[in-house]
Amino acid sequence: MASIAGALARIKDDVGPFLSEASILAACREAGHRWRERELGPVATLHLFVLQVLNFNTAMTHLRHLAGRAVQAPAFCRARMRLPLGVLAALLRESASAGATTTPGAPPPAAAAGLWCGLRALLVDGSSTIAPDTPPNQEAFGQPAGCKPGCGFPVPKVLGLFDAFTGLVVELLTFPLYTHEQSKVWMLHPLLSRGDVLVGDRGFCSFWHLAMLRAREVMGVFRMHQLQIVDFRPHRKAAGQVGKKRRKGRPRSRFVRRLGKWDQVVEWARPKGRPAWMTPGQYRAMPGTLLVRELRYRIAANGQRTVCVTVATTLLDPAAYPKEKVAELYGIRWRVERHFAELKTTLRMRKVKSRTEAGVRKELLVYALVYNLVHAAMCRAASRQRVTPDRVSFVDALRWLVSAARPDDARPRPDLLINPHRPGRHEPRAVKDLQDSYTKMAHPRNELRAAMKKQAKPA
């Protein structure tokens, strides 16, 4: 497998030793995986897996050209099945740490941009992908309710945790389609450290989530849920402080103090009833009340669909965390949409190929692993070219990694393309491409075949 090591030579310096043989074998031993020495052991299998996804999830028959030797598709499939899911998850977390450590020697402007007000910021969001229509995938993930049996595809739900500065994937979890992110986001909390700040959309904004983060001394910044009533009038009455006839339209939170225009601290009370996803132990650990800062700001730029944004956060100190800074931090949240676009569109994770539940989960983790390879190269280029990592072109970094490389190539690294900074640029929410104009399947394929046979005239 010497040619595989040569193909991965460019990656080696960017992400450290996490793809080395010693690192992979250590992850296998830590996961309790036992194997015997064979041609497609854990190291060769993972290298081939990464090579396949790095080349846009190419066909297995193409791997022999990339590896420089014959690779039998059935043998490679069995080798992928033997690879434990825990090994890939451990290597993904290691790649996030290795990619983040490429910036300590960066120039001061780039290094300082890695923190927000002295805190590490992380982004959380959910998305989905499409899996082959097989019985194991249907049972594990399910398909949209509007699709008839045999006419739709299983849709795995994906929950990702990203570093706000480097864009690296810290964790990627997979669930059935009809799983709300709120019920699973607590599984990401052990990866957060004291003093971190987690940023997400309104789907993650609730008393339960903010209280669980507060218990870990982790801050949260989330857009206010659409059902939450917010009133910025000073000393206004809450719904529980007035009679039943006057409660309609009043907020359930209790006013505490005013910090400025559209900026206040309120007290949220614990809702009645335990959510179905919460264990009794978690429910008993919840506090009775929680101090939350509510703030609202306007977006003056033309072309924005949203004009006013209301944010709920546990960053209560207006001096350390001014309103303008919090608004800027929530604006960074939209980068996670671009990260998912890089995964699903550029790397083509929108449709995976594995026909089993375990295979789908492994394939998604390898996609995240390859994504981290690209972003680690972007971080190294950003340090060298004195810009922030979000300005470096993901597509150009991917092309550079995919292009042929010789292990003994001593030429200096090329400068990657830097995207221009265009904060006021907006495009209409419309699609010009009309290529996908085929008739959509409304009946299972076997029924359509039978109908075609009936319509066929005998010779």
Protein backbone atom coordinates (compact mmCIF):
# COMPACT_ATOMS: atom_id res chain seq x y z
CA MET A 1 0.00 0.00 0.00
CA ALA A 2 2.92 2.35 -0.61
CA SER A 3 0.98 4.35 -3.18
CA ILE A 4 -1.75 5.03 -0.59
CA ALA A 5 0.82 6.56 1.74
CA GLY A 6 2.06 8.63 -1.20
CA ALA A 7 -1.45 9.84 -2.00
CA LEU A 8 -1.93 10.85 1.64
CA ALA A 9 1.49 12.51 1.90
CA ARG A 10 0.12 16.02 1.54
CA ILE A 11 -2.35 15.46 4.36
CA LYS A 12 0.22 14.17 6.84
CA ASP A 13 1.81 17.50 7.74
CA ASP A 14 -1.51 19.30 8.10
CA VAL A 15 -3.29 17.08 10.61
CA GLY A 16 -0.45 15.51 12.52
CA PRO A 17 -0.22 11.78 13.17
CA PHE A 18 -3.93 10.94 13.51
CA LEU A 19 -3.93 8.98 10.24
CA SER A 20 -0.64 7.25 10.95
CA GLU A 21 -0.48 3.51 11.47
CA ALA A 22 0.29 3.89 15.18
CA SER A 23 -2.67 6.25 15.70
CA ILE A 24 -5.14 3.98 13.90
CA LEU A 25 -3.95 0.86 15.73
CA ALA A 26 -4.10 2.69 19.07
CA ALA A 27 -7.71 3.70 18.36
CA CYS A 28 -8.52 0.08 17.47
CA ARG A 29 -7.03 -1.21 20.71
CA GLU A 30 -8.85 1.44 22.74
CA ALA A 31 -12.14 0.41 21.12
CA GLY A 32 -11.48 -3.24 22.00
CA HIS A 33 -11.18 -4.30 18.37
CA ARG A 34 -9.29 -7.55 17.74
CA TRP A 35 -7.99 -8.38 14.30
CA ARG A 36 -5.53 -10.64 12.57
CA GLU A 37 -2.88 -9.52 10.15
CA ARG A 38 -4.19 -9.59 6.61
CA GLU A 39 -3.93 -7.65 3.37
CA LEU A 40 -6.83 -5.33 4.29
CA GLY A 41 -6.16 -4.67 7.94
CA PRO A 42 -7.51 -1.64 9.85
CA VAL A 43 -4.80 0.73 8.56
CA ALA A 44 -5.09 -0.19 4.87
CA THR A 45 -8.89 -0.27 5.07
CA LEU A 46 -9.15 3.19 6.61
CA HIS A 47 -6.65 4.65 4.15
CA LEU A 48 -8.64 3.23 1.26
CA PHE A 49 -11.89 4.46 2.80
CA VAL A 50 -10.49 8.00 3.17
CA LEU A 51 -9.08 7.87 -0.35
CA GLN A 52 -12.44 6.80 -1.74
CA VAL A 53 -14.39 9.62 -0.05
CA LEU A 54 -11.68 12.19 -0.77
CA ASN A 55 -12.18 11.42 -4.45
CA PHE A 56 -15.92 12.22 -4.22
CA ASN A 57 -16.88 8.74 -2.99
CA THR A 58 -15.64 7.13 -6.16
CA ALA A 59 -16.65 3.62 -7.19
CA MET A 60 -14.82 0.73 -5.55
CA THR A 61 -13.63 -0.42 -8.97
CA HIS A 62 -11.75 2.88 -9.25
CA LEU A 63 -9.80 2.30 -6.03
CA ARG A 64 -7.33 0.06 -7.86
CA HIS A 65 -6.21 3.08 -9.88
CA LEU A 66 -5.86 5.26 -6.78
CA ALA A 67 -4.09 2.59 -4.74
CA GLY A 68 -1.89 1.39 -7.60
CA ARG A 69 -2.88 -2.23 -7.03
CA ALA A 70 -5.90 -4.51 -7.39
CA VAL A 71 -8.60 -3.97 -4.75
CA GLN A 72 -11.45 -6.44 -4.86
CA ALA A 73 -14.78 -4.79 -4.05
CA PRO A 74 -16.18 -7.71 -1.98
CA ALA A 75 -13.02 -7.91 0.11
CA PHE A 76 -13.02 -4.16 0.68
CA CYS A 77 -16.70 -4.25 1.71
CA ARG A 78 -15.99 -6.96 4.28
CA ALA A 79 -12.98 -4.99 5.54
CA ARG A 80 -15.16 -1.89 6.02
CA MET A 81 -17.69 -3.96 7.93
CA ARG A 82 -14.96 -5.21 10.27
CA LEU A 83 -13.84 -1.66 11.09
CA PRO A 84 -15.50 -0.60 14.39
CA LEU A 85 -17.61 2.53 14.49
CA GLY A 86 -15.89 3.64 17.70
CA VAL A 87 -12.52 3.77 15.93
CA LEU A 88 -13.81 6.25 13.36
CA ALA A 89 -15.45 8.38 16.07
CA ALA A 90 -12.21 8.49 18.07
CA LEU A 91 -10.16 9.43 14.99
CA LEU A 92 -12.66 12.17 14.13
CA ARG A 93 -12.28 13.78 17.56
CA GLU A 94 -8.51 13.42 17.27
CA SER A 95 -8.55 15.09 13.85
CA ALA A 96 -10.45 18.06 15.30
CA SER A 97 -7.78 18.47 17.98
CA ALA A 98 -4.93 17.99 15.50
CA GLY A 99 -6.42 20.50 13.07
CA ALA A 100 -6.95 23.06 15.81
CA THR A 101 -3.31 22.82 16.89
CA THR A 102 -2.12 24.02 13.48
CA THR A 103 -2.80 27.63 14.49
CA PRO A 104 -0.66 28.28 17.62
CA GLY A 105 2.21 29.59 15.51
CA ALA A 106 -0.09 31.79 13.48
CA PRO A 107 0.39 35.55 13.32
CA PRO A 108 -1.34 37.45 16.14
CA PRO A 109 -4.39 38.57 14.10
CA ALA A 110 -5.23 35.01 13.01
CA ALA A 111 -4.47 33.47 16.41
CA ALA A 112 -6.61 36.01 18.27
CA ALA A 113 -9.56 35.32 15.97
CA GLY A 114 -9.78 31.78 17.34
CA LEU A 115 -11.61 32.98 20.48
CA TRP A 116 -14.68 35.12 20.99
CA CYS A 117 -14.28 37.46 23.97
CA GLY A 118 -11.77 34.97 25.37
CA LEU A 119 -14.15 31.99 24.99
CA ARG A 120 -14.07 29.04 22.62
CA ALA A 121 -17.19 29.16 20.45
CA LEU A 122 -18.79 26.08 18.94
CA LEU A 123 -21.68 25.77 16.50
CA VAL A 124 -24.36 23.08 16.60
CA ASP A 125 -26.92 22.30 13.94
CA GLY A 126 -28.78 19.42 12.32
CA SER A 127 -29.11 18.29 8.74
CA SER A 128 -29.90 15.10 6.81
CA THR A 129 -28.69 12.89 4.01
CA ILE A 130 -30.12 10.18 1.76
CA ALA A 131 -29.34 6.47 2.06
CA PRO A 132 -30.06 3.58 -0.34
CA ASP A 133 -33.54 2.10 -0.12
CA THR A 134 -32.82 -1.17 1.68
CA PRO A 135 -34.80 -2.85 4.49
CA PRO A 136 -32.05 -2.27 7.11
CA ASN A 137 -31.86 1.45 6.26
CA GLN A 138 -35.64 1.82 6.20
CA GLU A 139 -35.92 0.21 9.62
CA ALA A 140 -33.07 2.24 11.12
CA PHE A 141 -33.78 5.71 9.72
CA GLY A 142 -37.24 5.81 8.14
CA GLN A 143 -38.39 7.87 5.18
CA PRO A 144 -40.52 11.06 4.85
CA ALA A 145 -44.17 10.53 5.69
CA GLY A 146 -45.30 11.88 2.31
CA CYS A 147 -43.58 9.08 0.40
CA LYS A 148 -45.42 5.85 -0.38
CA PRO A 149 -43.68 2.57 0.52
CA GLY A 150 -41.20 1.72 -2.19
CA CYS A 151 -41.14 5.29 -3.57
CA GLY A 152 -38.90 7.07 -1.08
CA PHE A 153 -35.42 6.80 0.36
CA PRO A 154 -34.34 6.45 3.99
CA VAL A 155 -33.23 9.80 5.41
CA PRO A 156 -30.68 9.69 8.27
CA LYS A 157 -30.74 12.72 10.56
CA VAL A 158 -27.30 14.24 11.24
CA LEU A 159 -26.32 16.38 14.25
CA GLY A 160 -22.97 18.15 13.95
CA LEU A 161 -20.77 20.08 16.38
CA PHE A 162 -18.32 22.48 14.68
CA ASP A 163 -15.57 24.77 15.90
CA ALA A 164 -16.70 28.31 15.07
CA PHE A 165 -13.21 29.51 14.11
CA THR A 166 -11.57 26.60 12.30
CA GLY A 167 -14.78 24.99 11.00
CA LEU A 168 -13.56 21.54 12.08
CA VAL A 169 -16.13 18.87 12.96
CA VAL A 170 -15.80 17.95 16.63
CA GLU A 171 -18.55 15.31 16.54
CA LEU A 172 -21.12 13.97 14.10
CA LEU A 173 -24.07 11.92 15.36
CA THR A 174 -26.66 10.07 13.27
CA PHE A 175 -30.28 9.38 14.23
CA PRO A 176 -33.58 8.36 12.62
CA LEU A 177 -35.32 10.97 10.50
CA TYR A 178 -38.05 12.00 12.94
CA THR A 179 -35.69 12.83 15.82
CA HIS A 180 -35.69 16.37 17.17
CA GLU A 181 -32.23 17.84 17.72
CA GLN A 182 -33.34 19.09 21.16
CA SER A 183 -33.68 15.51 22.40
CA LYS A 184 -30.14 14.50 21.40
CA VAL A 185 -27.99 17.61 21.75
CA TRP A 186 -27.17 16.70 25.37
CA MET A 187 -25.05 13.85 23.97
CA LEU A 188 -22.61 16.52 22.71
CA HIS A 189 -22.26 18.22 26.10
CA PRO A 190 -19.39 15.97 27.37
CA LEU A 191 -17.27 17.36 24.51
CA LEU A 192 -17.69 20.91 25.82
CA SER A 193 -15.36 22.44 28.41
CA ARG A 194 -15.92 24.94 31.15
CA GLY A 195 -16.13 28.43 29.68
CA ASP A 196 -17.12 27.34 26.17
CA VAL A 197 -20.05 28.99 24.43
CA LEU A 198 -22.45 26.96 22.28
CA VAL A 199 -24.34 28.73 19.48
CA GLY A 200 -27.39 27.35 17.71
CA ASP A 201 -30.72 28.20 16.12
CA ARG A 202 -34.14 28.34 17.78
CA GLY A 203 -34.52 24.56 17.68
CA PHE A 204 -32.01 24.36 20.57
CA CYS A 205 -33.51 27.17 22.67
CA SER A 206 -35.32 25.86 25.74
CA PHE A 207 -35.14 26.02 29.52
CA TRP A 208 -33.93 22.42 29.64
CA HIS A 209 -31.02 22.91 27.25
CA LEU A 210 -29.82 26.17 28.81
CA ALA A 211 -30.05 24.64 32.31
CA MET A 212 -28.04 21.57 31.27
CA LEU A 213 -25.35 23.80 29.77
CA ARG A 214 -25.32 26.01 32.85
CA ALA A 215 -24.73 22.95 35.06
CA ARG A 216 -21.53 22.31 33.07
CA GLU A 217 -20.57 26.02 33.26
CA VAL A 218 -20.98 26.24 29.48
CA MET A 219 -22.62 29.33 28.02
CA GLY A 220 -25.35 29.22 25.40
CA VAL A 221 -26.44 31.64 22.68
CA PHE A 222 -29.59 30.62 20.82
CA ARG A 223 -32.23 32.37 18.81
CA MET A 224 -35.45 32.67 20.78
CA HIS A 225 -38.00 29.95 20.10
CA GLN A 226 -41.00 31.20 18.12
CA LEU A 227 -43.45 30.15 20.86
CA GLN A 228 -41.63 32.12 23.57
CA ILE A 229 -43.23 35.51 24.28
CA VAL A 230 -40.71 38.31 24.87
CA ASP A 231 -41.62 41.73 26.27
CA PHE A 232 -38.92 44.40 26.75
CA ARG A 233 -41.05 46.81 28.78
CA PRO A 234 -39.34 47.48 32.13
CA HIS A 235 -41.07 46.05 35.19
CA ARG A 236 -43.78 44.43 33.08
CA LYS A 237 -45.89 41.71 34.67
CA ALA A 238 -45.49 38.03 33.86
CA ALA A 239 -48.37 35.67 33.09
CA GLY A 240 -48.21 34.24 36.61
CA GLN A 241 -48.41 37.69 38.23
CA VAL A 242 -51.83 38.68 36.86
CA GLY A 243 -55.30 37.16 36.79
CA LYS A 244 -56.31 34.45 34.38
CA LYS A 245 -58.22 36.85 32.13
CA ARG A 246 -55.13 39.04 31.59
CA ARG A 247 -52.55 36.29 31.00
CA LYS A 248 -53.02 36.02 27.23
CA GLY A 249 -50.10 37.53 25.33
CA ARG A 250 -47.93 38.00 28.42
CA PRO A 251 -44.48 36.40 28.79
CA ARG A 252 -44.04 33.55 31.27
CA SER A 253 -40.65 34.90 32.39
CA ARG A 254 -40.24 37.28 35.35
CA PHE A 255 -38.50 40.62 34.76
CA VAL A 256 -35.26 41.07 36.76
CA ARG A 257 -33.36 44.08 35.41
CA ARG A 258 -32.90 46.18 32.28
CA LEU A 259 -29.47 46.31 30.61
CA GLY A 260 -30.29 48.66 27.73
CA LYS A 261 -32.62 49.07 24.79
CA TRP A 262 -33.96 45.63 23.84
CA ASP A 263 -31.62 44.06 26.39
CA GLN A 264 -32.78 42.61 29.71
CA VAL A 265 -32.26 39.85 32.27
CA VAL A 266 -35.30 37.74 33.11
CA GLU A 267 -36.00 34.66 35.18
CA TRP A 268 -37.31 31.57 33.42
CA ALA A 269 -39.29 29.09 35.48
CA ARG A 270 -38.99 25.35 34.96
CA PRO A 271 -41.85 24.12 32.74
CA LYS A 272 -44.28 21.64 34.18
CA GLY A 273 -43.89 18.05 33.07
CA ARG A 274 -40.81 16.08 32.10
CA PRO A 275 -39.95 15.87 28.38
CA ALA A 276 -40.17 12.38 26.91
CA TRP A 277 -36.48 12.37 26.00
CA MET A 278 -35.26 13.34 29.48
CA THR A 279 -34.46 10.71 32.07
CA PRO A 280 -35.87 11.03 35.61
CA GLY A 281 -32.34 11.65 36.92
CA GLN A 282 -31.81 14.51 34.48
CA TYR A 283 -35.19 15.98 35.40
CA ARG A 284 -34.44 15.92 39.13
CA ALA A 285 -31.16 17.73 38.51
CA MET A 286 -32.92 20.65 36.78
CA PRO A 287 -33.12 23.91 38.79
CA GLY A 288 -36.46 25.56 39.54
CA THR A 289 -35.50 28.86 37.86
CA LEU A 290 -32.82 30.11 35.50
CA LEU A 291 -31.53 33.62 34.79
CA VAL A 292 -31.51 34.31 31.05
CA ARG A 293 -30.52 37.38 29.11
CA GLU A 294 -32.90 38.34 26.30
CA LEU A 295 -31.79 40.78 23.62
CA ARG A 296 -33.03 41.86 20.24
CA TYR A 297 -31.26 43.54 17.33
CA ARG A 298 -32.18 44.63 13.83
CA ILE A 299 -30.49 43.64 10.56
CA ALA A 300 -30.18 46.72 8.37
CA ALA A 301 -28.73 45.00 5.29
CA ASN A 302 -30.98 44.70 2.25
CA GLY A 303 -31.81 41.24 0.97
CA GLN A 304 -32.09 39.64 4.41
CA ARG A 305 -35.24 37.60 4.97
CA THR A 306 -35.07 38.21 8.73
CA VAL A 307 -35.26 41.81 9.94
CA CYS A 308 -35.32 41.39 13.75
CA VAL A 309 -33.50 38.69 15.69
CA THR A 310 -34.24 37.89 19.35
CA VAL A 311 -31.56 35.93 21.19
CA ALA A 312 -31.60 34.10 24.52
CA THR A 313 -28.24 33.65 26.24
CA THR A 314 -26.69 32.88 29.61
CA LEU A 315 -23.98 35.51 29.00
CA LEU A 316 -25.41 37.87 31.62
CA ASP A 317 -22.55 40.38 32.00
CA PRO A 318 -23.15 43.32 29.60
CA ALA A 319 -19.66 44.71 30.22
CA ALA A 320 -17.78 41.52 29.34
CA TYR A 321 -20.23 40.53 26.59
CA PRO A 322 -21.77 43.65 24.99
CA LYS A 323 -24.96 43.33 23.01
CA GLU A 324 -23.17 44.10 19.75
CA LYS A 325 -20.68 41.29 20.39
CA VAL A 326 -23.44 38.79 21.12
CA ALA A 327 -25.21 39.80 17.90
CA GLU A 328 -21.93 39.33 16.04
CA LEU A 329 -21.50 35.88 17.57
CA TYR A 330 -24.97 34.77 16.54
CA GLY A 331 -24.19 36.04 13.03
CA ILE A 332 -21.28 33.58 12.95
CA ARG A 333 -23.83 30.79 13.50
CA TRP A 334 -24.71 30.95 9.80
CA ARG A 335 -21.29 29.54 8.96
CA VAL A 336 -22.59 26.12 9.97
CA GLU A 337 -24.89 26.21 6.93
CA ARG A 338 -21.85 26.68 4.74
CA HIS A 339 -20.06 23.81 6.50
CA PHE A 340 -22.96 21.46 5.77
CA ALA A 341 -22.99 22.71 2.17
CA GLU A 342 -19.30 21.83 1.88
CA LEU A 343 -20.04 18.37 3.23
CA LYS A 344 -23.19 17.64 1.27
CA THR A 345 -22.58 19.49 -2.00
CA THR A 346 -18.82 19.79 -2.48
CA LEU A 347 -17.89 16.43 -0.94
CA ARG A 348 -21.20 14.89 -2.14
CA MET A 349 -22.37 13.62 1.23
CA ARG A 350 -25.97 14.35 0.18
CA LYS A 351 -26.28 10.70 -0.92
CA VAL A 352 -24.35 7.91 0.76
CA LYS A 353 -23.88 4.45 -0.71
CA SER A 354 -23.84 2.04 2.23
CA ARG A 355 -26.75 -0.40 2.36
CA THR A 356 -26.71 -1.11 6.11
CA GLU A 357 -27.22 1.04 9.19
CA ALA A 358 -23.67 0.51 10.46
CA GLY A 359 -22.28 1.19 6.99
CA VAL A 360 -24.17 4.50 6.74
CA ARG A 361 -22.89 5.65 10.14
CA LYS A 362 -19.31 4.73 9.23
CA GLU A 363 -19.52 6.43 5.85
CA LEU A 364 -20.81 9.66 7.40
CA LEU A 365 -17.94 9.66 9.92
CA VAL A 366 -15.39 9.19 7.15
CA TYR A 367 -16.99 12.11 5.29
CA ALA A 368 -16.49 14.21 8.42
CA LEU A 369 -12.92 12.92 8.69
CA VAL A 370 -12.14 13.95 5.10
CA TYR A 371 -13.84 17.30 5.73
CA ASN A 372 -11.47 17.85 8.66
CA LEU A 373 -8.51 17.02 6.43
CA VAL A 374 -9.52 19.83 4.09
CA HIS A 375 -10.17 22.31 6.89
CA ALA A 376 -6.86 21.47 8.55
CA ALA A 377 -5.13 22.37 5.29
CA MET A 378 -7.17 25.59 5.22
CA CYS A 379 -6.05 26.45 8.76
CA ARG A 380 -2.41 25.91 7.84
CA ALA A 381 -2.82 28.07 4.72
CA ALA A 382 -4.60 30.78 6.72
CA SER A 383 -1.69 30.96 9.18
CA ARG A 384 0.79 31.18 6.33
CA GLN A 385 -1.21 33.71 4.28
CA ARG A 386 -2.24 35.83 7.30
CA VAL A 387 -6.03 35.53 6.98
CA THR A 388 -8.74 33.83 8.99
CA PRO A 389 -9.56 30.21 8.01
CA ASP A 390 -13.06 31.11 6.79
CA ARG A 391 -11.52 33.19 3.98
CA VAL A 392 -9.61 30.25 2.47
CA SER A 393 -11.36 28.48 -0.40
CA PHE A 394 -12.62 25.02 0.59
CA VAL A 395 -12.82 23.93 -3.05
CA ASP A 396 -9.23 25.00 -3.75
CA ALA A 397 -7.96 23.18 -0.65
CA LEU A 398 -9.86 20.05 -1.71
CA ARG A 399 -8.42 20.21 -5.22
CA TRP A 400 -4.94 20.54 -3.81
CA LEU A 401 -5.40 17.48 -1.61
CA VAL A 402 -6.92 15.38 -4.38
CA SER A 403 -4.21 16.26 -6.92
CA ALA A 404 -1.32 13.82 -7.33
CA ALA A 405 1.59 14.19 -4.92
CA ARG A 406 4.95 12.49 -4.56
CA PRO A 407 6.23 11.68 -1.04
CA ASP A 408 9.65 13.10 -1.92
CA ASP A 409 8.21 16.34 -3.32
CA ALA A 410 10.13 19.10 -1.54
CA ARG A 411 8.50 22.04 -3.31
CA PRO A 412 6.98 24.73 -1.05
CA ARG A 413 3.27 24.57 -0.38
CA PRO A 414 1.24 26.66 -2.82
CA ASP A 415 -0.88 29.54 -1.61
CA LEU A 416 -4.57 28.65 -1.63
CA LEU A 417 -7.24 30.92 -3.06
CA ILE A 418 -8.60 33.57 -0.69
CA ASN A 419 -12.28 34.34 -1.04
CA PRO A 420 -13.10 38.06 -1.07
CA HIS A 421 -14.86 39.48 1.94
CA ARG A 422 -18.33 40.51 0.73
CA PRO A 423 -20.63 40.85 3.77
CA GLY A 424 -23.35 42.75 1.87
CA ARG A 425 -23.62 40.29 -1.00
CA HIS A 426 -27.02 38.62 -1.40
CA GLU A 427 -28.60 36.48 -4.08
CA PRO A 428 -32.28 35.80 -4.82
CA ARG A 429 -33.69 32.61 -3.31
CA ALA A 430 -34.35 31.01 -6.70
CA VAL A 431 -32.90 28.13 -8.74
CA LYS A 432 -32.05 28.60 -12.41
CA ASP A 433 -31.05 25.01 -13.24
CA LEU A 434 -34.03 23.07 -14.68
CA GLN A 435 -32.13 19.86 -15.35
CA ASP A 436 -34.06 17.74 -12.83
CA SER A 437 -37.34 17.67 -14.76
CA TYR A 438 -38.00 13.90 -14.83
CA THR A 439 -41.31 12.47 -13.69
CA LYS A 440 -41.21 11.61 -10.00
CA MET A 441 -41.98 8.07 -8.87
CA ALA A 442 -45.45 7.84 -7.32
CA HIS A 443 -45.70 4.02 -7.22
CA PRO A 444 -43.19 1.28 -6.38
CA ARG A 445 -40.93 0.23 -9.23
CA ASN A 446 -42.32 -3.32 -9.43
CA GLU A 447 -45.85 -1.92 -9.94
CA LEU A 448 -44.61 0.39 -12.68
CA ARG A 449 -42.87 -2.52 -14.43
CA ALA A 450 -46.07 -4.58 -14.28
CA ALA A 451 -48.06 -1.67 -15.75
CA MET A 452 -45.53 -1.33 -18.58
CA LYS A 453 -45.88 -5.02 -19.41
CA LYS A 454 -49.65 -4.73 -19.59
CA GLN A 455 -49.38 -1.76 -21.95
CA ALA A 456 -46.94 -3.56 -24.23
CA LYS A 457 -48.61 -4.93 -27.37
CA PRO A 458 -47.88 -8.55 -28.34
CA ALA A 459 -45.70 -8.94 -31.43
